[in-house]
Amino acid sequence: MEVLILATKDCNHRPLVEERLKKMGISYEVRYVDEHPKLVEKYEAHSSPNIIVDGEVVYRGDYGDPIPTEDELKSLFNA
């Protein structure tokens, strides 16, 4: 399983997502939107952070709901 976090460099929520993924033992990579415009286009990333699993966006951060809860992450990766 390939997990990618696509986020802005100043995204305050990215470190929290990383912490939760580490706690769950899930390996991931981080890519920053300003360094990877093709990924932004490909995944239509207009918010931060985005979690992409095996090429599919499974979570998009939003101002009202910026990061998934631990239970939401567990359900994403146990599905």
Protein backbone atom coordinates (compact mmCIF):
# COMPACT_ATOMS: atom_id res chain seq x y z
CA MET A 1 0.00 0.00 0.00
CA GLU A 2 1.36 3.40 -1.00
CA VAL A 3 0.28 6.32 1.17
CA LEU A 4 0.96 9.90 0.18
CA ILE A 5 0.24 13.08 2.08
CA LEU A 6 -0.09 16.01 -0.31
CA ALA A 7 -0.04 19.27 1.63
CA THR A 8 1.12 22.83 1.78
CA LYS A 9 4.37 23.46 3.64
CA ASP A 10 2.62 25.65 6.18
CA CYS A 11 -0.25 23.23 6.80
CA ASN A 12 -0.61 22.98 10.57
CA HIS A 13 -2.58 19.76 10.28
CA ARG A 14 -0.05 17.72 8.29
CA PRO A 15 2.14 16.94 11.34
CA LEU A 16 -0.93 15.68 13.21
CA VAL A 17 -1.85 13.38 10.33
CA GLU A 18 1.74 12.14 10.22
CA GLU A 19 1.71 11.50 13.96
CA ARG A 20 -1.50 9.49 13.69
CA LEU A 21 -0.21 7.44 10.75
CA LYS A 22 3.05 6.71 12.59
CA LYS A 23 1.07 5.63 15.66
CA MET A 24 -0.84 3.22 13.42
CA GLY A 25 2.39 1.87 11.90
CA ILE A 26 1.52 3.09 8.40
CA SER A 27 4.38 4.13 6.13
CA TYR A 28 3.82 7.24 4.03
CA GLU A 29 5.52 9.92 1.97
CA VAL A 30 4.94 13.66 2.05
CA ARG A 31 4.83 15.84 -1.06
CA TYR A 32 4.33 19.59 -0.98
CA VAL A 33 1.91 21.22 -3.40
CA ASP A 34 4.28 24.04 -4.38
CA GLU A 35 6.94 21.50 -5.39
CA HIS A 36 4.59 19.08 -7.17
CA PRO A 37 2.06 20.99 -9.30
CA LYS A 38 1.37 17.91 -11.44
CA LEU A 39 0.21 16.02 -8.36
CA VAL A 40 -2.03 18.96 -7.42
CA GLU A 41 -3.58 18.81 -10.87
CA LYS A 42 -3.84 15.02 -10.95
CA TYR A 43 -5.56 14.78 -7.56
CA GLU A 44 -7.40 18.11 -7.80
CA ALA A 45 -5.92 19.13 -4.47
CA HIS A 46 -7.43 22.44 -3.47
CA SER A 47 -7.15 21.99 0.28
CA SER A 48 -4.60 20.62 2.70
CA PRO A 49 -3.79 17.99 3.72
CA ASN A 50 -4.84 15.31 1.25
CA ILE A 51 -4.32 11.62 1.95
CA ILE A 52 -3.85 9.47 -1.13
CA VAL A 53 -3.78 5.68 -0.93
CA ASP A 54 -2.71 3.66 -3.95
CA GLY A 55 -3.46 6.58 -6.25
CA GLU A 56 -6.91 7.37 -4.81
CA VAL A 57 -7.73 10.39 -2.65
CA VAL A 58 -9.27 9.00 0.52
CA TYR A 59 -9.30 12.21 2.53
CA ARG A 60 -9.25 15.92 1.78
CA GLY A 61 -8.64 18.41 4.55
CA ASP A 62 -11.11 21.22 4.86
CA TYR A 63 -11.32 24.35 6.98
CA GLY A 64 -14.18 22.91 9.00
CA ASP A 65 -12.75 19.37 9.11
CA PRO A 66 -8.99 19.67 8.61
CA ILE A 67 -7.84 16.20 9.72
CA PRO A 68 -9.40 12.78 10.11
CA THR A 69 -9.92 11.44 13.60
CA GLU A 70 -8.02 8.35 14.65
CA ASP A 71 -11.19 6.30 14.19
CA GLU A 72 -11.67 7.70 10.66
CA LEU A 73 -8.09 6.82 9.78
CA LYS A 74 -8.53 3.31 11.17
CA SER A 75 -11.63 2.81 9.05
CA LEU A 76 -9.81 4.10 5.95
CA PHE A 77 -6.95 1.66 6.36
CA ASN A 78 -8.93 -1.31 7.63
CA ALA A 79 -11.38 -1.24 4.73
